[in-house]
C-alpha atoms as a PDB file:
ATOM      1  CA  MET A   1    -198.226-163.247 -16.648  1.00  0.00           C
ATOM      2  CA  ARG A   2    -196.133-166.297 -16.205  1.00  0.00           C
ATOM      3  CA  GLU A   3    -193.077-166.448 -14.012  1.00  0.00           C
ATOM      4  CA  PRO A   4    -189.821-167.069 -15.915  1.00  0.00           C
ATOM      5  CA  HIS A   5    -188.575-170.606 -15.630  1.00  0.00           C
ATOM      6  CA  LYS A   6    -186.218-170.946 -12.676  1.00  0.00           C
ATOM      7  CA  GLN A   7    -183.513-173.561 -12.770  1.00  0.00           C
ATOM      8  CA  ASP A   8    -182.126-175.283  -9.754  1.00  0.00           C
ATOM      9  CA  ILE A   9    -178.562-174.037  -9.425  1.00  0.00           C
ATOM     10  CA  GLU A  10    -176.192-175.371  -6.820  1.00  0.00           C
ATOM     11  CA  VAL A  11    -173.954-172.717  -5.361  1.00  0.00           C
ATOM     12  CA  ASP A  12    -170.674-173.795  -3.811  1.00  0.00           C
ATOM     13  CA  ARG A  13    -169.714-171.587  -0.932  1.00  0.00           C
ATOM     14  CA  THR A  14    -166.122-171.373   0.136  1.00  0.00           C
ATOM     15  CA  GLU A  15    -165.170-170.092   3.513  1.00  0.00           C
ATOM     16  CA  VAL A  16    -161.860-168.327   3.956  1.00  0.00           C
ATOM     17  CA  HIS A  17    -160.257-168.683   7.340  1.00  0.00           C
ATOM     18  CA  LYS A  18    -157.279-166.535   8.165  1.00  0.00           C
ATOM     19  CA  LYS A  19    -154.561-168.687   9.576  1.00  0.00           C
ATOM     20  CA  SER A  20    -152.204-167.209  12.094  1.00  0.00           C
ATOM     21  CA  ASP A  21    -149.334-169.531  11.334  1.00  0.00           C
ATOM     22  CA  SER A  22    -146.370-168.679  13.530  1.00  0.00           C
ATOM     23  CA  SER A  23    -143.869-170.037  11.022  1.00  0.00           C
ATOM     24  CA  LEU A  24    -145.256-167.696   8.347  1.00  0.00           C
ATOM     25  CA  VAL A  25    -144.958-164.746  10.726  1.00  0.00           C
ATOM     26  CA  ALA A  26    -141.412-165.737  11.656  1.00  0.00           C
ATOM     27  CA  SER A  27    -140.287-166.132   8.049  1.00  0.00           C
ATOM     28  CA  THR A  28    -141.778-162.752   7.139  1.00  0.00           C
ATOM     29  CA  PHE A  29    -140.000-161.146  10.099  1.00  0.00           C
ATOM     30  CA  ILE A  30    -136.690-162.709   9.088  1.00  0.00           C
ATOM     31  CA  LYS A  31    -137.151-161.529   5.512  1.00  0.00           C
ATOM     32  CA  TYR A  32    -137.804-157.911   6.482  1.00  0.00           C
ATOM     33  CA  ALA A  33    -135.050-157.982   9.111  1.00  0.00           C
ATOM     34  CA  ALA A  34    -132.652-159.081   6.371  1.00  0.00           C
ATOM     35  CA  TYR A  35    -133.816-156.195   4.167  1.00  0.00           C
ATOM     36  CA  ILE A  36    -133.169-153.724   6.992  1.00  0.00           C
ATOM     37  CA  ILE A  37    -129.716-155.171   7.741  1.00  0.00           C
ATOM     38  CA  ILE A  38    -128.753-154.997   4.061  1.00  0.00           C
ATOM     39  CA  PHE A  39    -130.039-151.420   3.821  1.00  0.00           C
ATOM     40  CA  PHE A  40    -128.085-150.240   6.864  1.00  0.00           C
ATOM     41  CA  GLY A  41    -125.018-152.158   5.695  1.00  0.00           C
ATOM     42  CA  PHE A  42    -125.198-150.316   2.387  1.00  0.00           C
ATOM     43  CA  LEU A  43    -125.563-146.978   4.203  1.00  0.00           C
ATOM     44  CA  TYR A  44    -122.566-147.842   6.400  1.00  0.00           C
ATOM     45  CA  PHE A  45    -120.524-148.663   3.306  1.00  0.00           C
ATOM     46  CA  LEU A  46    -121.472-145.353   1.689  1.00  0.00           C
ATOM     47  CA  ILE A  47    -120.684-143.294   4.769  1.00  0.00           C
ATOM     48  CA  ARG A  48    -117.482-145.148   5.658  1.00  0.00           C
ATOM     49  CA  TYR A  49    -115.846-145.581   2.249  1.00  0.00           C
ATOM     50  CA  VAL A  50    -117.518-143.462  -0.438  1.00  0.00           C
ATOM     51  CA  PHE A  51    -118.288-140.115   1.215  1.00  0.00           C
ATOM     52  CA  PRO A  52    -114.818-139.530   2.754  1.00  0.00           C
ATOM     53  CA  LYS A  53    -113.326-139.609  -0.756  1.00  0.00           C
ATOM     54  CA  PHE A  54    -115.207-136.445  -1.795  1.00  0.00           C
END
């Protein structure tokens, strides 16, 4: 039996390197810190102004 015809195929390999960029970490921290501050501010508003009216 004959071998099937094999073509020469070039395969591009890409390497993924994880970058530990400090500015990306800092911006993510600031974003989540802002979410937490907004959340607790909303809770404070509810407890201080809305719940006493019931």
